N, C-alpha and C. Protein backbone atom coordinates (compact mmCIF):
# COMPACT_ATOMS: atom_id res chain seq x y z
N MET A 1 91.20 27.01 16.80
CA MET A 1 90.66 27.61 15.59
C MET A 1 89.17 27.91 15.80
N ILE A 2 88.74 29.04 15.29
CA ILE A 2 87.36 29.46 15.49
C ILE A 2 86.44 28.70 14.52
N ASP A 3 85.29 28.34 15.02
CA ASP A 3 84.31 27.63 14.22
C ASP A 3 83.66 28.61 13.23
N THR A 4 83.37 28.14 12.05
CA THR A 4 82.76 28.98 11.01
C THR A 4 81.38 29.47 11.43
N TRP A 5 80.60 28.63 12.08
CA TRP A 5 79.25 29.03 12.52
C TRP A 5 79.32 30.12 13.58
N LEU A 6 80.28 30.00 14.49
CA LEU A 6 80.41 31.02 15.53
C LEU A 6 80.88 32.35 14.95
N PHE A 7 81.75 32.30 13.97
CA PHE A 7 82.19 33.54 13.31
C PHE A 7 81.03 34.19 12.57
N ALA A 8 80.18 33.39 11.91
CA ALA A 8 79.01 33.92 11.22
C ALA A 8 78.05 34.56 12.22
N ALA A 9 77.86 33.92 13.37
CA ALA A 9 76.97 34.49 14.39
C ALA A 9 77.54 35.80 14.93
N LEU A 10 78.83 35.86 15.14
CA LEU A 10 79.47 37.09 15.61
C LEU A 10 79.27 38.22 14.60
N CYS A 11 79.45 37.93 13.33
CA CYS A 11 79.25 38.95 12.29
C CYS A 11 77.80 39.42 12.26
N LEU A 12 76.86 38.50 12.43
CA LEU A 12 75.45 38.89 12.44
C LEU A 12 75.12 39.76 13.65
N PHE A 13 75.71 39.47 14.79
CA PHE A 13 75.45 40.29 15.97
C PHE A 13 76.05 41.69 15.84
N VAL A 14 77.19 41.79 15.17
CA VAL A 14 77.77 43.12 14.91
C VAL A 14 76.86 43.91 13.98
N LEU A 15 76.34 43.26 12.94
CA LEU A 15 75.41 43.93 12.03
C LEU A 15 74.12 44.34 12.74
N ALA A 16 73.65 43.50 13.66
CA ALA A 16 72.45 43.84 14.42
C ALA A 16 72.69 45.05 15.31
N ALA A 17 73.87 45.14 15.90
CA ALA A 17 74.19 46.31 16.71
C ALA A 17 74.19 47.58 15.87
N CYS A 18 74.68 47.49 14.64
CA CYS A 18 74.65 48.65 13.74
C CYS A 18 73.22 49.04 13.40
N ALA A 19 72.36 48.05 13.20
CA ALA A 19 70.96 48.34 12.89
C ALA A 19 70.26 48.98 14.08
N PHE A 20 70.56 48.50 15.29
CA PHE A 20 69.93 49.08 16.47
C PHE A 20 70.45 50.49 16.77
N LEU A 21 71.67 50.79 16.36
CA LEU A 21 72.17 52.15 16.51
C LEU A 21 71.41 53.13 15.63
N ARG A 22 70.82 52.64 14.56
CA ARG A 22 70.04 53.50 13.67
C ARG A 22 68.66 53.81 14.26
N VAL A 23 68.23 53.04 15.23
CA VAL A 23 66.92 53.28 15.84
C VAL A 23 66.90 54.61 16.59
N ILE A 24 67.99 54.96 17.24
CA ILE A 24 68.02 56.15 18.09
C ILE A 24 67.93 57.44 17.27
N PRO A 25 68.78 57.67 16.25
CA PRO A 25 68.72 58.96 15.54
C PRO A 25 67.84 58.95 14.30
N GLY A 26 66.93 58.00 14.19
CA GLY A 26 66.11 57.93 12.98
C GLY A 26 65.37 59.22 12.71
N PRO A 27 65.31 59.64 11.44
CA PRO A 27 64.66 60.91 11.12
C PRO A 27 63.14 60.91 11.39
N SER A 28 62.51 59.76 11.26
CA SER A 28 61.07 59.69 11.53
C SER A 28 60.77 58.41 12.30
N SER A 29 59.57 58.34 12.82
CA SER A 29 59.20 57.15 13.60
C SER A 29 59.12 55.90 12.72
N PHE A 30 58.75 56.06 11.45
CA PHE A 30 58.70 54.90 10.57
C PHE A 30 60.10 54.37 10.26
N ASP A 31 61.08 55.27 10.16
CA ASP A 31 62.46 54.83 9.98
C ASP A 31 62.97 54.07 11.20
N ARG A 32 62.55 54.50 12.37
CA ARG A 32 62.94 53.79 13.59
C ARG A 32 62.31 52.40 13.64
N ILE A 33 61.07 52.29 13.20
CA ILE A 33 60.40 50.99 13.18
C ILE A 33 61.08 50.05 12.20
N ILE A 34 61.45 50.55 11.04
CA ILE A 34 62.13 49.72 10.05
C ILE A 34 63.50 49.28 10.57
N ALA A 35 64.22 50.19 11.24
CA ALA A 35 65.52 49.83 11.80
C ALA A 35 65.38 48.78 12.91
N ALA A 36 64.34 48.92 13.72
CA ALA A 36 64.10 47.92 14.77
C ALA A 36 63.75 46.57 14.16
N ASN A 37 62.96 46.58 13.11
CA ASN A 37 62.60 45.34 12.43
C ASN A 37 63.83 44.67 11.83
N ALA A 38 64.70 45.46 11.21
CA ALA A 38 65.93 44.91 10.65
C ALA A 38 66.83 44.36 11.76
N GLY A 39 66.92 45.08 12.86
CA GLY A 39 67.74 44.61 13.97
C GLY A 39 67.24 43.31 14.57
N VAL A 40 65.93 43.19 14.71
CA VAL A 40 65.35 41.95 15.23
C VAL A 40 65.60 40.81 14.27
N THR A 41 65.43 41.05 12.98
CA THR A 41 65.65 40.01 11.98
C THR A 41 67.09 39.51 12.00
N ILE A 42 68.03 40.44 12.05
CA ILE A 42 69.44 40.05 12.04
C ILE A 42 69.82 39.35 13.35
N THR A 43 69.29 39.84 14.47
CA THR A 43 69.58 39.20 15.75
C THR A 43 69.05 37.77 15.78
N LEU A 44 67.83 37.58 15.31
CA LEU A 44 67.26 36.23 15.30
C LEU A 44 68.00 35.32 14.33
N SER A 45 68.52 35.89 13.26
CA SER A 45 69.35 35.09 12.35
C SER A 45 70.62 34.63 13.06
N GLY A 46 71.22 35.52 13.85
CA GLY A 46 72.39 35.14 14.63
C GLY A 46 72.08 34.06 15.65
N VAL A 47 70.92 34.16 16.29
CA VAL A 47 70.53 33.13 17.26
C VAL A 47 70.30 31.79 16.56
N LEU A 48 69.70 31.82 15.38
CA LEU A 48 69.51 30.58 14.63
C LEU A 48 70.85 29.96 14.24
N VAL A 49 71.80 30.79 13.85
CA VAL A 49 73.13 30.28 13.51
C VAL A 49 73.80 29.68 14.75
N LEU A 50 73.63 30.33 15.91
CA LEU A 50 74.16 29.75 17.15
C LEU A 50 73.49 28.41 17.47
N GLY A 51 72.20 28.31 17.22
CA GLY A 51 71.50 27.05 17.43
C GLY A 51 72.05 25.94 16.56
N VAL A 52 72.40 26.27 15.32
CA VAL A 52 73.01 25.28 14.44
C VAL A 52 74.41 24.92 14.93
N ALA A 53 75.17 25.94 15.36
CA ALA A 53 76.54 25.69 15.83
C ALA A 53 76.54 24.80 17.07
N TRP A 54 75.61 25.03 17.97
CA TRP A 54 75.54 24.24 19.19
C TRP A 54 74.78 22.94 19.01
N GLY A 55 74.04 22.79 17.92
CA GLY A 55 73.25 21.60 17.70
C GLY A 55 72.06 21.51 18.64
N SER A 56 71.49 22.65 18.99
CA SER A 56 70.40 22.69 19.95
C SER A 56 69.10 23.09 19.25
N LEU A 57 68.16 22.19 19.26
CA LEU A 57 66.86 22.46 18.65
C LEU A 57 66.04 23.42 19.50
N VAL A 58 66.27 23.45 20.81
CA VAL A 58 65.53 24.33 21.71
C VAL A 58 65.84 25.79 21.39
N VAL A 59 67.10 26.09 21.09
CA VAL A 59 67.48 27.47 20.75
C VAL A 59 66.80 27.91 19.46
N ILE A 60 66.73 27.01 18.49
CA ILE A 60 66.08 27.34 17.21
C ILE A 60 64.59 27.57 17.41
N GLU A 61 63.94 26.74 18.20
CA GLU A 61 62.51 26.92 18.46
C GLU A 61 62.24 28.22 19.22
N ALA A 62 63.10 28.55 20.17
CA ALA A 62 62.93 29.79 20.93
C ALA A 62 63.12 31.00 20.02
N ALA A 63 64.05 30.94 19.08
CA ALA A 63 64.27 32.05 18.15
C ALA A 63 63.06 32.24 17.24
N VAL A 64 62.48 31.17 16.79
CA VAL A 64 61.29 31.27 15.94
C VAL A 64 60.12 31.86 16.73
N ALA A 65 59.92 31.41 17.95
CA ALA A 65 58.84 31.94 18.78
C ALA A 65 59.07 33.42 19.09
N ALA A 66 60.30 33.80 19.40
CA ALA A 66 60.60 35.21 19.68
C ALA A 66 60.39 36.05 18.43
N GLY A 67 60.72 35.53 17.28
CA GLY A 67 60.51 36.25 16.03
C GLY A 67 59.05 36.53 15.76
N LEU A 68 58.20 35.55 16.00
CA LEU A 68 56.77 35.75 15.80
C LEU A 68 56.22 36.81 16.76
N LEU A 69 56.64 36.76 18.01
CA LEU A 69 56.18 37.75 18.98
C LEU A 69 56.69 39.15 18.64
N CYS A 70 57.94 39.25 18.23
CA CYS A 70 58.51 40.56 17.91
C CYS A 70 57.84 41.18 16.69
N TYR A 71 57.57 40.39 15.68
CA TYR A 71 56.94 40.94 14.49
C TYR A 71 55.50 41.37 14.76
N GLY A 72 54.80 40.62 15.59
CA GLY A 72 53.47 41.06 15.99
C GLY A 72 53.51 42.38 16.73
N GLY A 73 54.49 42.55 17.60
CA GLY A 73 54.65 43.81 18.32
C GLY A 73 55.03 44.96 17.41
N ILE A 74 55.86 44.69 16.42
CA ILE A 74 56.26 45.75 15.49
C ILE A 74 55.08 46.18 14.64
N PHE A 75 54.25 45.24 14.22
CA PHE A 75 53.07 45.62 13.45
C PHE A 75 52.10 46.43 14.30
N ALA A 76 51.91 46.06 15.55
CA ALA A 76 51.04 46.83 16.44
C ALA A 76 51.61 48.23 16.68
N LEU A 77 52.91 48.32 16.83
CA LEU A 77 53.54 49.62 17.01
C LEU A 77 53.39 50.49 15.77
N ALA A 78 53.50 49.90 14.60
CA ALA A 78 53.34 50.67 13.37
C ALA A 78 51.91 51.20 13.24
N HIS A 79 50.92 50.40 13.63
CA HIS A 79 49.53 50.88 13.59
C HIS A 79 49.31 52.00 14.60
N THR A 80 49.95 51.89 15.75
CA THR A 80 49.80 52.92 16.77
C THR A 80 50.44 54.23 16.33
N VAL A 81 51.61 54.15 15.73
CA VAL A 81 52.29 55.37 15.27
C VAL A 81 51.52 56.01 14.13
N ARG A 82 50.95 55.19 13.29
CA ARG A 82 50.18 55.73 12.16
C ARG A 82 48.88 56.34 12.60
N GLY A 83 48.36 55.92 13.75
CA GLY A 83 47.13 56.49 14.28
C GLY A 83 45.90 55.65 14.00
N GLU A 84 46.10 54.44 13.49
CA GLU A 84 44.95 53.58 13.23
C GLU A 84 44.69 52.70 14.45
N PRO A 85 43.44 52.36 14.69
CA PRO A 85 43.16 51.44 15.79
C PRO A 85 43.61 50.04 15.42
N SER A 86 44.00 49.27 16.41
CA SER A 86 44.51 47.92 16.16
C SER A 86 43.45 46.97 15.74
């Protein structure tokens, strides 16, 4: 029987793939940034759920650290696309 946490993680990863598919044909660069941000958020949520399923605190800490780095990069990218200096 499949574990509930693993099924939830699988569903989150499918949703993240759908969000990342929106990055490619986005009508504007800001729409692509928002889709990337949503994809990162959903992917990290799936990793956190996997960390709970496996009972591994290291996975949860790595997901939080990756989330902080990704959001900093997305903010820098948004400033670059907008034309403002960082």
